[in-house]
Amino acid sequence: MVSNSRGNPLKKCLILVGVAVTLSACATSTSKETLRFCDDTGCSERSSSSATADYLDEPPVVKSEQILKLEEAASSDPRAAYDLALRYFRGDGIQRNSYQALQWMRKAGESGLLHAQQALGGYYLSGLEEMGSDPQEAEKWLSMAAAQGDQESASLLAEAAEAKQREAGDYRWRQHWREYYRGYWYRGYSYFGYWRQGYWYY
C-alpha cells in the first residue's frame, strides 16, 4: 500500500506476476523472505533477494546451418517440411518444439504429402503430447489420406467418425448438466450463515 500523506517517503516495489523475477531494490525489507518458483523440473523456495528466472540466463538457441537450410527447403518442398516437423518433435538437431512440429507437418499435409496426412490423422485422433484428441480434425486428415488410397487411414476414418459422435454426445451431456448446476450455484444452493448487526451468524 502506498501512502500519499506529506512527510512520509514513497515506497515502490515492482512485482512481475507470471514472470519469476524479483528486483530487490525496495527501500525496506519485504514481509515474505522467499518466493516459490516452478518450472518443468518442479517447485522450490528461493530467497527473494537472489531469485531469478532460470530461462532468462539461458543463451538463445542458435540453429545450425543444416537446420537453416532445411527450413529454407521446407518452405517449398513438403518432404522437407515433413522432415523438419519430425526433427522439431524429436529434438533432433534443434530444440524440441511440438508446436513448430505440428505447424510444419500441417504445411506438408496441406501440400498433399500422404505421409504427413497419415501422421496428422493419427496425431489428432490419439491426442499426442499435451493436446487432447480432436476427432473432427483427425477425420479431415484421414479423409485426405484415404482419398489417396491409404487403407490404414480409411480404417481409422471410421474410428474418427465414431469418436466425433461420442464427443458430440459428451458435449451435449456437459452442456445439459452445466446449465443445471449453474442454476444451483446462482439460485438453488442456500447460504449457511447470515449477516446481522456487524456479525456473521452460523
Protein backbone atom coordinates (compact mmCIF):
# COMPACT_ATOMS: atom_id res chain seq x y z
CA MET A 1 0.00 0.00 0.00
CA VAL A 2 1.41 3.42 -0.92
CA SER A 3 0.92 6.33 1.45
CA ASN A 4 0.44 9.72 -0.18
CA SER A 5 0.47 11.73 3.05
CA ARG A 6 3.09 14.51 3.27
CA GLY A 7 6.26 13.81 5.19
CA ASN A 8 6.22 10.06 4.51
CA PRO A 9 8.63 8.68 1.87
CA LEU A 10 7.09 7.00 -1.14
CA LYS A 11 7.97 3.27 -1.31
CA LYS A 12 7.72 1.34 -4.50
CA CYS A 13 8.34 -2.35 -5.16
CA LEU A 14 7.99 -3.85 -8.60
CA ILE A 15 6.48 -7.34 -8.73
CA LEU A 16 6.05 -9.04 -12.06
CA VAL A 17 3.25 -11.58 -11.80
CA GLY A 18 3.67 -14.61 -14.04
CA VAL A 19 7.38 -13.96 -14.59
CA ALA A 20 9.55 -15.24 -11.79
CA VAL A 21 11.72 -12.17 -11.49
CA THR A 22 12.21 -10.22 -8.31
CA LEU A 23 14.01 -6.91 -8.14
CA SER A 24 15.37 -6.47 -4.66
CA ALA A 25 15.54 -2.72 -4.85
CA CYS A 26 12.95 -2.00 -2.18
CA ALA A 27 13.98 0.51 0.46
CA THR A 28 12.63 -1.70 3.24
CA SER A 29 12.63 -5.45 3.77
CA THR A 30 9.62 -7.34 2.43
CA SER A 31 7.43 -9.41 4.68
CA LYS A 32 8.00 -12.52 2.58
CA GLU A 33 11.58 -13.82 2.73
CA THR A 34 11.23 -16.44 -0.01
CA LEU A 35 9.40 -16.86 -3.28
CA ARG A 36 8.09 -20.08 -4.82
CA PHE A 37 9.44 -20.84 -8.31
CA CYS A 38 8.02 -23.59 -10.51
CA ASP A 39 9.24 -24.96 -13.82
CA ASP A 40 9.19 -28.30 -15.65
CA THR A 41 11.54 -29.84 -13.05
CA GLY A 42 9.33 -28.98 -10.08
CA CYS A 43 8.91 -26.24 -7.50
CA SER A 44 11.32 -24.77 -4.97
CA GLU A 45 11.55 -21.94 -2.46
CA ARG A 46 14.26 -19.37 -3.13
CA SER A 47 15.39 -16.25 -1.36
CA SER A 48 13.52 -13.19 -2.59
CA SER A 49 16.77 -11.24 -2.77
CA SER A 50 18.51 -13.66 -5.12
CA ALA A 51 15.76 -15.47 -7.03
CA THR A 52 15.76 -15.11 -10.80
CA ALA A 53 14.06 -16.87 -13.68
CA ASP A 54 16.47 -19.51 -14.93
CA TYR A 55 15.34 -19.17 -18.52
CA LEU A 56 16.49 -15.54 -18.61
CA ASP A 57 20.08 -16.76 -18.15
CA GLU A 58 19.87 -19.32 -20.94
CA PRO A 59 21.66 -18.39 -24.17
CA PRO A 60 19.42 -18.01 -27.23
CA VAL A 61 19.09 -21.11 -29.37
CA VAL A 62 21.39 -20.95 -32.36
CA LYS A 63 20.25 -23.06 -35.32
CA SER A 64 22.87 -24.96 -37.25
CA GLU A 65 23.46 -24.33 -40.94
CA GLN A 66 21.82 -27.68 -41.68
CA ILE A 67 18.59 -26.70 -39.90
CA LEU A 68 18.55 -23.25 -41.51
CA LYS A 69 18.91 -24.84 -44.94
CA LEU A 70 16.21 -27.40 -44.08
CA GLU A 71 13.82 -24.58 -43.06
CA GLU A 72 14.54 -22.85 -46.36
CA ALA A 73 13.78 -26.05 -48.29
CA ALA A 74 10.68 -26.74 -46.15
CA SER A 75 9.05 -23.52 -47.28
CA SER A 76 8.59 -25.02 -50.78
CA ASP A 77 9.14 -28.79 -50.50
CA PRO A 78 6.57 -30.77 -48.45
CA ARG A 79 9.08 -33.59 -47.87
CA ALA A 80 11.47 -31.14 -46.23
CA ALA A 81 8.59 -29.71 -44.18
CA TYR A 82 7.78 -33.26 -43.04
CA ASP A 83 11.41 -33.90 -42.06
CA LEU A 84 11.60 -30.57 -40.22
CA ALA A 85 8.40 -31.40 -38.33
CA LEU A 86 9.87 -34.70 -37.14
CA ARG A 87 13.12 -33.00 -36.11
CA TYR A 88 11.21 -30.41 -34.08
CA PHE A 89 9.12 -33.12 -32.46
CA ARG A 90 12.13 -35.30 -31.61
CA GLY A 91 14.55 -32.50 -30.76
CA ASP A 92 16.88 -33.89 -33.42
CA GLY A 93 19.45 -31.20 -34.28
CA ILE A 94 17.15 -28.47 -32.97
CA GLN A 95 15.46 -27.51 -29.71
CA ARG A 96 12.35 -29.65 -29.24
CA ASN A 97 9.15 -27.75 -30.03
CA SER A 98 5.89 -29.67 -30.51
CA TYR A 99 4.03 -26.56 -31.69
CA GLN A 100 6.52 -25.96 -34.53
CA ALA A 101 6.43 -29.68 -35.30
CA LEU A 102 2.69 -29.55 -35.80
CA GLN A 103 2.82 -26.38 -37.91
CA TRP A 104 5.40 -27.83 -40.32
CA MET A 105 3.57 -31.17 -40.51
CA ARG A 106 0.34 -29.35 -41.38
CA LYS A 107 2.17 -27.44 -44.10
CA ALA A 108 3.40 -30.73 -45.53
CA GLY A 109 -0.08 -32.28 -45.30
CA GLU A 110 -1.75 -29.28 -46.92
CA SER A 111 0.70 -29.67 -49.80
CA GLY A 112 -0.65 -33.19 -50.35
CA LEU A 113 2.11 -35.31 -48.79
CA LEU A 114 0.47 -38.62 -47.85
CA HIS A 115 2.89 -39.41 -45.00
CA ALA A 116 2.10 -36.07 -43.36
CA GLN A 117 -1.66 -36.60 -43.71
CA GLN A 118 -1.34 -40.05 -42.13
CA ALA A 119 0.78 -38.65 -39.29
CA LEU A 120 -1.65 -35.78 -38.64
CA GLY A 121 -4.68 -38.08 -38.68
CA GLY A 122 -3.11 -40.28 -36.02
CA TYR A 123 -1.86 -37.28 -34.05
CA TYR A 124 -5.29 -35.66 -33.82
CA LEU A 125 -7.10 -38.95 -33.23
CA SER A 126 -4.89 -40.04 -30.32
CA GLY A 127 -4.14 -36.61 -28.88
CA LEU A 128 -0.36 -36.82 -28.62
CA GLU A 129 1.62 -34.65 -26.22
CA GLU A 130 -0.29 -32.08 -24.18
CA MET A 131 -3.02 -31.78 -26.81
CA GLY A 132 -6.24 -33.69 -26.31
CA SER A 133 -7.90 -35.74 -29.02
CA ASP A 134 -9.64 -33.82 -31.82
CA PRO A 135 -11.72 -36.35 -33.80
CA GLN A 136 -13.05 -33.73 -36.21
CA GLU A 137 -9.55 -32.63 -37.22
CA ALA A 138 -8.45 -36.29 -37.35
CA GLU A 139 -11.33 -37.07 -39.71
CA LYS A 140 -10.25 -34.27 -42.03
CA TRP A 141 -6.65 -35.53 -42.38
CA LEU A 142 -7.58 -39.22 -42.52
CA SER A 143 -10.11 -38.44 -45.27
CA MET A 144 -7.38 -36.75 -47.30
CA ALA A 145 -5.04 -39.72 -46.82
CA ALA A 146 -7.79 -42.25 -47.58
CA ALA A 147 -8.61 -40.36 -50.78
CA GLN A 148 -5.03 -41.08 -51.87
CA GLY A 149 -5.68 -44.81 -51.39
CA ASP A 150 -4.22 -45.34 -47.91
CA GLN A 151 -6.07 -48.31 -46.39
CA GLU A 152 -4.93 -47.73 -42.81
CA SER A 153 -6.30 -44.19 -42.89
CA ALA A 154 -9.56 -45.47 -44.36
CA SER A 155 -9.99 -47.90 -41.45
CA LEU A 156 -9.07 -45.22 -38.88
CA LEU A 157 -11.59 -42.91 -40.51
CA ALA A 158 -14.46 -44.99 -39.10
CA GLU A 159 -12.94 -44.70 -35.62
CA ALA A 160 -12.56 -40.93 -36.02
CA ALA A 161 -16.23 -40.61 -37.07
CA GLU A 162 -17.30 -42.68 -34.06
CA ALA A 163 -15.11 -40.65 -31.72
CA LYS A 164 -16.60 -37.45 -33.18
CA GLN A 165 -20.12 -38.72 -32.46
CA ARG A 166 -19.13 -39.64 -28.90
CA GLU A 167 -17.57 -36.23 -28.40
CA ALA A 168 -20.73 -34.52 -29.66
CA GLY A 169 -22.79 -36.62 -27.23
CA ASP A 170 -20.39 -35.80 -24.38
CA TYR A 171 -20.63 -32.12 -25.27
CA ARG A 172 -24.45 -32.20 -25.16
CA TRP A 173 -24.32 -34.05 -21.83
CA ARG A 174 -21.90 -31.49 -20.35
CA GLN A 175 -23.98 -28.59 -21.61
CA HIS A 176 -27.14 -30.03 -20.07
CA TRP A 177 -25.60 -30.57 -16.64
CA ARG A 178 -23.60 -27.34 -16.78
CA GLU A 179 -26.82 -25.35 -17.03
CA TYR A 180 -28.41 -27.47 -14.32
CA TYR A 181 -25.62 -26.93 -11.79
CA ARG A 182 -25.06 -23.35 -12.83
CA GLY A 183 -28.66 -22.70 -11.81
CA TYR A 184 -27.96 -24.25 -8.40
CA TRP A 185 -24.83 -22.13 -7.93
CA TYR A 186 -26.77 -18.97 -8.78
CA ARG A 187 -30.14 -19.69 -7.14
CA GLY A 188 -30.52 -23.21 -5.77
CA TYR A 189 -27.90 -23.57 -3.05
CA SER A 190 -28.70 -21.73 0.19
CA TYR A 191 -26.23 -19.86 2.38
CA PHE A 192 -25.49 -21.31 5.80
CA GLY A 193 -24.80 -18.01 7.52
CA TYR A 194 -26.46 -14.63 7.66
CA TRP A 195 -25.19 -11.14 8.46
CA ARG A 196 -26.76 -9.14 11.24
CA GLN A 197 -25.59 -6.08 13.20
CA GLY A 198 -21.95 -6.39 12.14
CA TYR A 199 -21.52 -10.17 12.62
CA TRP A 200 -21.89 -13.36 10.63
CA TYR A 201 -24.15 -15.92 12.33
CA TYR A 202 -23.84 -19.65 11.69
